[in-house]
mmCIF file of all heavy atoms, coordinates in Angstrom:
data_MODEL
# 
_entry.id   MODEL 
# 
loop_
_atom_site.group_PDB 
_atom_site.id 
_atom_site.type_symbol 
_atom_site.label_atom_id 
_atom_site.label_alt_id 
_atom_site.label_comp_id 
_atom_site.label_asym_id 
_atom_site.label_entity_id 
_atom_site.label_seq_id 
_atom_site.pdbx_PDB_ins_code 
_atom_site.Cartn_x 
_atom_site.Cartn_y 
_atom_site.Cartn_z 
_atom_site.occupancy 
_atom_site.B_iso_or_equiv 
_atom_site.pdbx_formal_charge 
_atom_site.auth_seq_id 
_atom_site.auth_comp_id 
_atom_site.auth_asym_id 
_atom_site.auth_atom_id 
_atom_site.pdbx_PDB_model_num 
ATOM 1   N N   . TYR A 1 1  ? 0.866  -1.174 0.002   1.00 0.00 ? 1  TYR A N   1 
ATOM 2   C CA  . TYR A 1 1  ? -0.010 0.004  0.005   1.00 0.00 ? 1  TYR A CA  1 
ATOM 3   C C   . TYR A 1 1  ? 0.909  1.222  0.014   1.00 0.00 ? 1  TYR A C   1 
ATOM 4   O O   . TYR A 1 1  ? 1.666  1.445  0.944   1.00 0.00 ? 1  TYR A O   1 
ATOM 5   C CB  . TYR A 1 1  ? -0.898 -0.016 1.225   1.00 0.00 ? 1  TYR A CB  1 
ATOM 6   C CG  . TYR A 1 1  ? -1.712 1.238  1.464   1.00 0.00 ? 1  TYR A CG  1 
ATOM 7   C CD1 . TYR A 1 1  ? -2.543 1.763  0.465   1.00 0.00 ? 1  TYR A CD1 1 
ATOM 8   C CD2 . TYR A 1 1  ? -1.681 1.872  2.703   1.00 0.00 ? 1  TYR A CD2 1 
ATOM 9   C CE1 . TYR A 1 1  ? -3.279 2.908  0.703   1.00 0.00 ? 1  TYR A CE1 1 
ATOM 10  C CE2 . TYR A 1 1  ? -2.454 3.009  2.960   1.00 0.00 ? 1  TYR A CE2 1 
ATOM 11  C CZ  . TYR A 1 1  ? -3.242 3.536  1.940   1.00 0.00 ? 1  TYR A CZ  1 
ATOM 12  O OH  . TYR A 1 1  ? -3.980 4.668  2.175   1.00 0.00 ? 1  TYR A OH  1 
ATOM 13  N N   . MET A 1 2  ? 0.833  2.022  -1.077  1.00 0.00 ? 2  MET A N   1 
ATOM 14  C CA  . MET A 1 2  ? 1.777  3.109  -1.299  1.00 0.00 ? 2  MET A CA  1 
ATOM 15  C C   . MET A 1 2  ? 1.024  4.444  -1.479  1.00 0.00 ? 2  MET A C   1 
ATOM 16  O O   . MET A 1 2  ? 0.887  4.932  -2.614  1.00 0.00 ? 2  MET A O   1 
ATOM 17  C CB  . MET A 1 2  ? 2.632  2.782  -2.511  1.00 0.00 ? 2  MET A CB  1 
ATOM 18  C CG  . MET A 1 2  ? 3.888  3.606  -2.669  1.00 0.00 ? 2  MET A CG  1 
ATOM 19  S SD  . MET A 1 2  ? 4.853  3.053  -4.081  1.00 0.00 ? 2  MET A SD  1 
ATOM 20  C CE  . MET A 1 2  ? 6.267  4.164  -3.942  1.00 0.00 ? 2  MET A CE  1 
ATOM 21  N N   . PRO A 1 3  ? 0.567  5.046  -0.389  1.00 0.00 ? 3  PRO A N   1 
ATOM 22  C CA  . PRO A 1 3  ? -0.109 6.326  -0.473  1.00 0.00 ? 3  PRO A CA  1 
ATOM 23  C C   . PRO A 1 3  ? 0.909  7.491  -0.456  1.00 0.00 ? 3  PRO A C   1 
ATOM 24  O O   . PRO A 1 3  ? 1.495  7.790  0.554   1.00 0.00 ? 3  PRO A O   1 
ATOM 25  C CB  . PRO A 1 3  ? -0.986 6.354  0.766   1.00 0.00 ? 3  PRO A CB  1 
ATOM 26  C CG  . PRO A 1 3  ? -0.248 5.496  1.754   1.00 0.00 ? 3  PRO A CG  1 
ATOM 27  C CD  . PRO A 1 3  ? 0.555  4.507  0.971   1.00 0.00 ? 3  PRO A CD  1 
ATOM 28  N N   . HIS A 1 4  ? 1.100  8.098  -1.607  1.00 0.00 ? 4  HIS A N   1 
ATOM 29  C CA  . HIS A 1 4  ? 2.112  9.149  -1.729  1.00 0.00 ? 4  HIS A CA  1 
ATOM 30  C C   . HIS A 1 4  ? 1.723  10.422 -0.958  1.00 0.00 ? 4  HIS A C   1 
ATOM 31  O O   . HIS A 1 4  ? 0.557  10.685 -0.723  1.00 0.00 ? 4  HIS A O   1 
ATOM 32  C CB  . HIS A 1 4  ? 2.315  9.477  -3.213  1.00 0.00 ? 4  HIS A CB  1 
ATOM 33  C CG  . HIS A 1 4  ? 3.261  8.553  -3.885  1.00 0.00 ? 4  HIS A CG  1 
ATOM 34  N ND1 . HIS A 1 4  ? 4.617  8.732  -3.903  1.00 0.00 ? 4  HIS A ND1 1 
ATOM 35  C CD2 . HIS A 1 4  ? 3.035  7.401  -4.608  1.00 0.00 ? 4  HIS A CD2 1 
ATOM 36  C CE1 . HIS A 1 4  ? 5.195  7.780  -4.589  1.00 0.00 ? 4  HIS A CE1 1 
ATOM 37  N NE2 . HIS A 1 4  ? 4.263  6.957  -5.013  1.00 0.00 ? 4  HIS A NE2 1 
ATOM 38  N N   . THR A 1 5  ? 2.734  11.203 -0.632  1.00 0.00 ? 5  THR A N   1 
ATOM 39  C CA  . THR A 1 5  ? 2.523  12.495 0.017   1.00 0.00 ? 5  THR A CA  1 
ATOM 40  C C   . THR A 1 5  ? 2.013  13.559 -0.970  1.00 0.00 ? 5  THR A C   1 
ATOM 41  O O   . THR A 1 5  ? 1.183  14.403 -0.612  1.00 0.00 ? 5  THR A O   1 
ATOM 42  C CB  . THR A 1 5  ? 3.825  12.984 0.668   1.00 0.00 ? 5  THR A CB  1 
ATOM 43  O OG1 . THR A 1 5  ? 4.138  12.142 1.763   1.00 0.00 ? 5  THR A OG1 1 
ATOM 44  C CG2 . THR A 1 5  ? 3.731  14.414 1.119   1.00 0.00 ? 5  THR A CG2 1 
ATOM 45  N N   . PHE A 1 6  ? 2.472  13.481 -2.187  1.00 0.00 ? 6  PHE A N   1 
ATOM 46  C CA  . PHE A 1 6  ? 2.143  14.525 -3.192  1.00 0.00 ? 6  PHE A CA  1 
ATOM 47  C C   . PHE A 1 6  ? 1.151  14.027 -4.221  1.00 0.00 ? 6  PHE A C   1 
ATOM 48  O O   . PHE A 1 6  ? 0.945  12.817 -4.336  1.00 0.00 ? 6  PHE A O   1 
ATOM 49  C CB  . PHE A 1 6  ? 3.451  14.986 -3.861  1.00 0.00 ? 6  PHE A CB  1 
ATOM 50  C CG  . PHE A 1 6  ? 4.440  15.553 -2.914  1.00 0.00 ? 6  PHE A CG  1 
ATOM 51  C CD1 . PHE A 1 6  ? 5.654  14.896 -2.672  1.00 0.00 ? 6  PHE A CD1 1 
ATOM 52  C CD2 . PHE A 1 6  ? 4.176  16.715 -2.219  1.00 0.00 ? 6  PHE A CD2 1 
ATOM 53  C CE1 . PHE A 1 6  ? 6.558  15.413 -1.768  1.00 0.00 ? 6  PHE A CE1 1 
ATOM 54  C CE2 . PHE A 1 6  ? 5.095  17.245 -1.310  1.00 0.00 ? 6  PHE A CE2 1 
ATOM 55  C CZ  . PHE A 1 6  ? 6.285  16.575 -1.087  1.00 0.00 ? 6  PHE A CZ  1 
ATOM 56  N N   . PRO A 1 7  ? 0.470  14.984 -4.916  1.00 0.00 ? 7  PRO A N   1 
ATOM 57  C CA  . PRO A 1 7  ? 0.694  16.438 -4.942  1.00 0.00 ? 7  PRO A CA  1 
ATOM 58  C C   . PRO A 1 7  ? -0.109 17.258 -3.944  1.00 0.00 ? 7  PRO A C   1 
ATOM 59  O O   . PRO A 1 7  ? -0.789 18.211 -4.321  1.00 0.00 ? 7  PRO A O   1 
ATOM 60  C CB  . PRO A 1 7  ? 0.330  16.792 -6.377  1.00 0.00 ? 7  PRO A CB  1 
ATOM 61  C CG  . PRO A 1 7  ? -0.761 15.824 -6.731  1.00 0.00 ? 7  PRO A CG  1 
ATOM 62  C CD  . PRO A 1 7  ? -0.405 14.541 -6.023  1.00 0.00 ? 7  PRO A CD  1 
ATOM 63  N N   . HIS A 1 8  ? -0.052 16.923 -2.678  1.00 0.00 ? 8  HIS A N   1 
ATOM 64  C CA  . HIS A 1 8  ? -0.618 17.732 -1.596  1.00 0.00 ? 8  HIS A CA  1 
ATOM 65  C C   . HIS A 1 8  ? 0.341  18.871 -1.291  1.00 0.00 ? 8  HIS A C   1 
ATOM 66  O O   . HIS A 1 8  ? 1.553  18.681 -1.335  1.00 0.00 ? 8  HIS A O   1 
ATOM 67  C CB  . HIS A 1 8  ? -0.825 16.839 -0.357  1.00 0.00 ? 8  HIS A CB  1 
ATOM 68  C CG  . HIS A 1 8  ? -1.611 17.455 0.747   1.00 0.00 ? 8  HIS A CG  1 
ATOM 69  N ND1 . HIS A 1 8  ? -1.144 18.498 1.534   1.00 0.00 ? 8  HIS A ND1 1 
ATOM 70  C CD2 . HIS A 1 8  ? -2.855 17.178 1.227   1.00 0.00 ? 8  HIS A CD2 1 
ATOM 71  C CE1 . HIS A 1 8  ? -2.049 18.820 2.455   1.00 0.00 ? 8  HIS A CE1 1 
ATOM 72  N NE2 . HIS A 1 8  ? -3.100 18.032 2.276   1.00 0.00 ? 8  HIS A NE2 1 
ATOM 73  N N   . VAL A 1 9  ? -0.183 20.039 -0.982  1.00 0.00 ? 9  VAL A N   1 
ATOM 74  C CA  . VAL A 1 9  ? 0.677  21.169 -0.626  1.00 0.00 ? 9  VAL A CA  1 
ATOM 75  C C   . VAL A 1 9  ? 1.166  21.010 0.816   1.00 0.00 ? 9  VAL A C   1 
ATOM 76  O O   . VAL A 1 9  ? 0.472  20.373 1.621   1.00 0.00 ? 9  VAL A O   1 
ATOM 77  C CB  . VAL A 1 9  ? -0.059 22.517 -0.769  1.00 0.00 ? 9  VAL A CB  1 
ATOM 78  C CG1 . VAL A 1 9  ? -0.458 22.766 -2.194  1.00 0.00 ? 9  VAL A CG1 1 
ATOM 79  C CG2 . VAL A 1 9  ? -1.290 22.609 0.146   1.00 0.00 ? 9  VAL A CG2 1 
ATOM 80  N N   . PRO A 1 10 ? 2.338  21.565 1.150   1.00 0.00 ? 10 PRO A N   1 
ATOM 81  C CA  . PRO A 1 10 ? 3.277  22.297 0.311   1.00 0.00 ? 10 PRO A CA  1 
ATOM 82  C C   . PRO A 1 10 ? 3.942  21.393 -0.704  1.00 0.00 ? 10 PRO A C   1 
ATOM 83  O O   . PRO A 1 10 ? 4.187  20.211 -0.447  1.00 0.00 ? 10 PRO A O   1 
ATOM 84  C CB  . PRO A 1 10 ? 4.285  22.850 1.314   1.00 0.00 ? 10 PRO A CB  1 
ATOM 85  C CG  . PRO A 1 10 ? 4.269  21.858 2.448   1.00 0.00 ? 10 PRO A CG  1 
ATOM 86  C CD  . PRO A 1 10 ? 2.839  21.418 2.541   1.00 0.00 ? 10 PRO A CD  1 
ATOM 87  N N   . MET A 1 11 ? 4.209  21.928 -1.886  1.00 0.00 ? 11 MET A N   1 
ATOM 88  C CA  . MET A 1 11 ? 4.662  21.126 -3.010  1.00 0.00 ? 11 MET A CA  1 
ATOM 89  C C   . MET A 1 11 ? 6.185  21.140 -3.088  1.00 0.00 ? 11 MET A C   1 
ATOM 90  O O   . MET A 1 11 ? 6.827  22.194 -3.127  1.00 0.00 ? 11 MET A O   1 
ATOM 91  C CB  . MET A 1 11 ? 4.075  21.672 -4.312  1.00 0.00 ? 11 MET A CB  1 
ATOM 92  C CG  . MET A 1 11 ? 3.794  20.622 -5.343  1.00 0.00 ? 11 MET A CG  1 
ATOM 93  S SD  . MET A 1 11 ? 2.432  19.546 -4.884  1.00 0.00 ? 11 MET A SD  1 
ATOM 94  C CE  . MET A 1 11 ? 1.070  20.695 -4.881  1.00 0.00 ? 11 MET A CE  1 
ATOM 95  N N   . PHE A 1 12 ? 6.745  19.906 -3.097  1.00 0.00 ? 12 PHE A N   1 
ATOM 96  C CA  . PHE A 1 12 ? 8.199  19.777 -3.247  1.00 0.00 ? 12 PHE A CA  1 
ATOM 97  C C   . PHE A 1 12 ? 8.498  18.734 -4.297  1.00 0.00 ? 12 PHE A C   1 
ATOM 98  O O   . PHE A 1 12 ? 7.712  17.820 -4.547  1.00 0.00 ? 12 PHE A O   1 
ATOM 99  C CB  . PHE A 1 12 ? 8.843  19.366 -1.911  1.00 0.00 ? 12 PHE A CB  1 
ATOM 100 C CG  . PHE A 1 12 ? 8.756  20.393 -0.827  1.00 0.00 ? 12 PHE A CG  1 
ATOM 101 C CD1 . PHE A 1 12 ? 7.744  20.331 0.124   1.00 0.00 ? 12 PHE A CD1 1 
ATOM 102 C CD2 . PHE A 1 12 ? 9.678  21.441 -0.754  1.00 0.00 ? 12 PHE A CD2 1 
ATOM 103 C CE1 . PHE A 1 12 ? 7.663  21.277 1.138   1.00 0.00 ? 12 PHE A CE1 1 
ATOM 104 C CE2 . PHE A 1 12 ? 9.599  22.390 0.237   1.00 0.00 ? 12 PHE A CE2 1 
ATOM 105 C CZ  . PHE A 1 12 ? 8.592  22.312 1.207   1.00 0.00 ? 12 PHE A CZ  1 
ATOM 106 N N   . ALA A 1 13 ? 9.668  18.851 -4.898  1.00 0.00 ? 13 ALA A N   1 
ATOM 107 C CA  . ALA A 1 13 ? 10.160 17.829 -5.836  1.00 0.00 ? 13 ALA A CA  1 
ATOM 108 C C   . ALA A 1 13 ? 11.669 17.758 -5.684  1.00 0.00 ? 13 ALA A C   1 
ATOM 109 O O   . ALA A 1 13 ? 12.316 18.711 -5.224  1.00 0.00 ? 13 ALA A O   1 
ATOM 110 C CB  . ALA A 1 13 ? 9.795  18.210 -7.272  1.00 0.00 ? 13 ALA A CB  1 
ATOM 111 N N   . SER A 1 14 ? 12.227 16.631 -6.043  1.00 0.00 ? 14 SER A N   1 
ATOM 112 C CA  . SER A 1 14 ? 13.679 16.457 -5.954  1.00 0.00 ? 14 SER A CA  1 
ATOM 113 C C   . SER A 1 14 ? 14.373 17.284 -7.030  1.00 0.00 ? 14 SER A C   1 
ATOM 114 O O   . SER A 1 14 ? 13.744 17.713 -8.008  1.00 0.00 ? 14 SER A O   1 
ATOM 115 C CB  . SER A 1 14 ? 14.027 14.982 -6.103  1.00 0.00 ? 14 SER A CB  1 
ATOM 116 O OG  . SER A 1 14 ? 13.820 14.564 -7.439  1.00 0.00 ? 14 SER A OG  1 
ATOM 117 N N   . PRO A 1 15 ? 15.687 17.510 -6.895  1.00 0.00 ? 15 PRO A N   1 
ATOM 118 C CA  . PRO A 1 15 ? 16.400 18.288 -7.910  1.00 0.00 ? 15 PRO A CA  1 
ATOM 119 C C   . PRO A 1 15 ? 16.282 17.731 -9.322  1.00 0.00 ? 15 PRO A C   1 
ATOM 120 O O   . PRO A 1 15 ? 16.354 18.487 -10.285 1.00 0.00 ? 15 PRO A O   1 
ATOM 121 C CB  . PRO A 1 15 ? 17.861 18.227 -7.418  1.00 0.00 ? 15 PRO A CB  1 
ATOM 122 C CG  . PRO A 1 15 ? 17.740 18.052 -5.941  1.00 0.00 ? 15 PRO A CG  1 
ATOM 123 C CD  . PRO A 1 15 ? 16.528 17.175 -5.738  1.00 0.00 ? 15 PRO A CD  1 
ATOM 124 N N   . ASP A 1 16 ? 16.116 16.412 -9.455  1.00 0.00 ? 16 ASP A N   1 
ATOM 125 C CA  . ASP A 1 16 ? 15.989 15.823 -10.794 1.00 0.00 ? 16 ASP A CA  1 
ATOM 126 C C   . ASP A 1 16 ? 14.705 16.250 -11.514 1.00 0.00 ? 16 ASP A C   1 
ATOM 127 O O   . ASP A 1 16 ? 14.600 16.138 -12.728 1.00 0.00 ? 16 ASP A O   1 
ATOM 128 C CB  . ASP A 1 16 ? 16.021 14.285 -10.690 1.00 0.00 ? 16 ASP A CB  1 
ATOM 129 C CG  . ASP A 1 16 ? 17.401 13.765 -10.356 1.00 0.00 ? 16 ASP A CG  1 
ATOM 130 O OD1 . ASP A 1 16 ? 18.374 14.518 -10.527 1.00 0.00 ? 16 ASP A OD1 1 
ATOM 131 O OD2 . ASP A 1 16 ? 17.496 12.617 -9.911  1.00 0.00 ? 16 ASP A OD2 1 
ATOM 132 N N   . PHE A 1 17 ? 13.722 16.707 -10.744 1.00 0.00 ? 17 PHE A N   1 
ATOM 133 C CA  . PHE A 1 17 ? 12.418 17.043 -11.335 1.00 0.00 ? 17 PHE A CA  1 
ATOM 134 C C   . PHE A 1 17 ? 12.023 18.504 -11.170 1.00 0.00 ? 17 PHE A C   1 
ATOM 135 O O   . PHE A 1 17 ? 11.204 19.010 -11.943 1.00 0.00 ? 17 PHE A O   1 
ATOM 136 C CB  . PHE A 1 17 ? 11.335 16.145 -10.746 1.00 0.00 ? 17 PHE A CB  1 
ATOM 137 C CG  . PHE A 1 17 ? 11.457 14.711 -11.195 1.00 0.00 ? 17 PHE A CG  1 
ATOM 138 C CD1 . PHE A 1 17 ? 12.225 13.796 -10.494 1.00 0.00 ? 17 PHE A CD1 1 
ATOM 139 C CD2 . PHE A 1 17 ? 10.838 14.285 -12.355 1.00 0.00 ? 17 PHE A CD2 1 
ATOM 140 C CE1 . PHE A 1 17 ? 12.368 12.494 -10.913 1.00 0.00 ? 17 PHE A CE1 1 
ATOM 141 C CE2 . PHE A 1 17 ? 10.962 12.971 -12.798 1.00 0.00 ? 17 PHE A CE2 1 
ATOM 142 C CZ  . PHE A 1 17 ? 11.742 12.068 -12.073 1.00 0.00 ? 17 PHE A CZ  1 
ATOM 143 N N   . LYS A 1 18 ? 12.576 19.189 -10.175 1.00 0.00 ? 18 LYS A N   1 
ATOM 144 C CA  . LYS A 1 18 ? 12.149 20.562 -9.924  1.00 0.00 ? 18 LYS A CA  1 
ATOM 145 C C   . LYS A 1 18 ? 12.509 21.454 -11.104 1.00 0.00 ? 18 LYS A C   1 
ATOM 146 O O   . LYS A 1 18 ? 13.631 21.440 -11.634 1.00 0.00 ? 18 LYS A O   1 
ATOM 147 C CB  . LYS A 1 18 ? 12.820 21.091 -8.659  1.00 0.00 ? 18 LYS A CB  1 
ATOM 148 C CG  . LYS A 1 18 ? 12.251 22.453 -8.255  1.00 0.00 ? 18 LYS A CG  1 
ATOM 149 C CD  . LYS A 1 18 ? 12.740 22.897 -6.904  1.00 0.00 ? 18 LYS A CD  1 
ATOM 150 C CE  . LYS A 1 18 ? 12.109 24.236 -6.503  1.00 0.00 ? 18 LYS A CE  1 
ATOM 151 N NZ  . LYS A 1 18 ? 12.562 24.730 -5.203  1.00 0.00 ? 18 LYS A NZ  1 
ATOM 152 N N   . GLY A 1 19 ? 11.529 22.225 -11.534 1.00 0.00 ? 19 GLY A N   1 
ATOM 153 C CA  . GLY A 1 19 ? 11.725 23.184 -12.631 1.00 0.00 ? 19 GLY A CA  1 
ATOM 154 C C   . GLY A 1 19 ? 11.669 22.564 -14.007 1.00 0.00 ? 19 GLY A C   1 
ATOM 155 O O   . GLY A 1 19 ? 11.958 23.238 -15.002 1.00 0.00 ? 19 GLY A O   1 
ATOM 156 N N   . LYS A 1 20 ? 11.233 21.309 -14.113 1.00 0.00 ? 20 LYS A N   1 
ATOM 157 C CA  . LYS A 1 20 ? 11.229 20.649 -15.404 1.00 0.00 ? 20 LYS A CA  1 
ATOM 158 C C   . LYS A 1 20 ? 9.865  20.645 -16.105 1.00 0.00 ? 20 LYS A C   1 
ATOM 159 O O   . LYS A 1 20 ? 9.786  20.455 -17.316 1.00 0.00 ? 20 LYS A O   1 
ATOM 160 C CB  . LYS A 1 20 ? 11.692 19.176 -15.214 1.00 0.00 ? 20 LYS A CB  1 
ATOM 161 C CG  . LYS A 1 20 ? 13.053 19.047 -14.565 1.00 0.00 ? 20 LYS A CG  1 
ATOM 162 C CD  . LYS A 1 20 ? 14.171 19.611 -15.429 1.00 0.00 ? 20 LYS A CD  1 
ATOM 163 C CE  . LYS A 1 20 ? 15.514 19.590 -14.746 1.00 0.00 ? 20 LYS A CE  1 
ATOM 164 N NZ  . LYS A 1 20 ? 15.994 18.240 -14.403 1.00 0.00 ? 20 LYS A NZ  1 
ATOM 165 N N   . SER A 1 21 ? 8.767  20.833 -15.348 1.00 0.00 ? 21 SER A N   1 
ATOM 166 C CA  . SER A 1 21 ? 7.438  20.707 -15.922 1.00 0.00 ? 21 SER A CA  1 
ATOM 167 C C   . SER A 1 21 ? 6.917  22.058 -16.436 1.00 0.00 ? 21 SER A C   1 
ATOM 168 O O   . SER A 1 21 ? 7.224  23.108 -15.864 1.00 0.00 ? 21 SER A O   1 
ATOM 169 C CB  . SER A 1 21 ? 6.474  20.146 -14.887 1.00 0.00 ? 21 SER A CB  1 
ATOM 170 O OG  . SER A 1 21 ? 5.127  20.258 -15.315 1.00 0.00 ? 21 SER A OG  1 
ATOM 171 N N   . ARG A 1 22 ? 6.087  22.012 -17.463 1.00 0.00 ? 22 ARG A N   1 
ATOM 172 C CA  . ARG A 1 22 ? 5.396  23.215 -17.952 1.00 0.00 ? 22 ARG A CA  1 
ATOM 173 C C   . ARG A 1 22 ? 4.403  23.725 -16.901 1.00 0.00 ? 22 ARG A C   1 
ATOM 174 O O   . ARG A 1 22 ? 4.010  24.898 -16.951 1.00 0.00 ? 22 ARG A O   1 
ATOM 175 C CB  . ARG A 1 22 ? 4.632  22.906 -19.253 1.00 0.00 ? 22 ARG A CB  1 
ATOM 176 C CG  . ARG A 1 22 ? 5.516  22.656 -20.449 1.00 0.00 ? 22 ARG A CG  1 
ATOM 177 C CD  . ARG A 1 22 ? 4.655  22.242 -21.640 1.00 0.00 ? 22 ARG A CD  1 
ATOM 178 N NE  . ARG A 1 22 ? 3.758  23.324 -22.036 1.00 0.00 ? 22 ARG A NE  1 
ATOM 179 C CZ  . ARG A 1 22 ? 2.688  23.164 -22.828 1.00 0.00 ? 22 ARG A CZ  1 
ATOM 180 N NH1 . ARG A 1 22 ? 2.377  21.956 -23.268 1.00 0.00 ? 22 ARG A NH1 1 
ATOM 181 N NH2 . ARG A 1 22 ? 1.937  24.196 -23.155 1.00 0.00 ? 22 ARG A NH2 1 
ATOM 182 N N   . ALA A 1 23 ? 3.976  22.859 -16.006 1.00 0.00 ? 23 ALA A N   1 
ATOM 183 C CA  . ALA A 1 23 ? 2.939  23.202 -15.028 1.00 0.00 ? 23 ALA A CA  1 
ATOM 184 C C   . ALA A 1 23 ? 3.500  23.638 -13.685 1.00 0.00 ? 23 ALA A C   1 
ATOM 185 O O   . ALA A 1 23 ? 2.833  23.546 -12.655 1.00 0.00 ? 23 ALA A O   1 
ATOM 186 C CB  . ALA A 1 23 ? 2.008  22.015 -14.840 1.00 0.00 ? 23 ALA A CB  1 
ATOM 187 N N   . GLY A 1 24 ? 4.767  24.108 -13.652 1.00 0.00 ? 24 GLY A N   1 
ATOM 188 C CA  . GLY A 1 24 ? 5.336  24.589 -12.420 1.00 0.00 ? 24 GLY A CA  1 
ATOM 189 C C   . GLY A 1 24 ? 5.632  23.486 -11.428 1.00 0.00 ? 24 GLY A C   1 
ATOM 190 O O   . GLY A 1 24 ? 5.782  22.310 -11.777 1.00 0.00 ? 24 GLY A O   1 
ATOM 191 N N   . ILE A 1 25 ? 5.741  23.863 -10.140 1.00 0.00 ? 25 ILE A N   1 
ATOM 192 C CA  . ILE A 1 25 ? 6.115  22.904 -9.111  1.00 0.00 ? 25 ILE A CA  1 
ATOM 193 C C   . ILE A 1 25 ? 5.049  21.811 -8.963  1.00 0.00 ? 25 ILE A C   1 
ATOM 194 O O   . ILE A 1 25 ? 5.390  20.648 -8.658  1.00 0.00 ? 25 ILE A O   1 
ATOM 195 C CB  . ILE A 1 25 ? 6.353  23.597 -7.755  1.00 0.00 ? 25 ILE A CB  1 
ATOM 196 C CG1 . ILE A 1 25 ? 6.870  22.615 -6.705  1.00 0.00 ? 25 ILE A CG1 1 
ATOM 197 C CG2 . ILE A 1 25 ? 5.120  24.345 -7.274  1.00 0.00 ? 25 ILE A CG2 1 
ATOM 198 C CD1 . ILE A 1 25 ? 8.182  21.968 -7.032  1.00 0.00 ? 25 ILE A CD1 1 
# 
């Protein structure tokens, strides 16, 4: 059972993904 933390705010992403999406954080 794998209930993820995101995309609940506050929104965080690792350096490999931060700033990569057209839709912001």
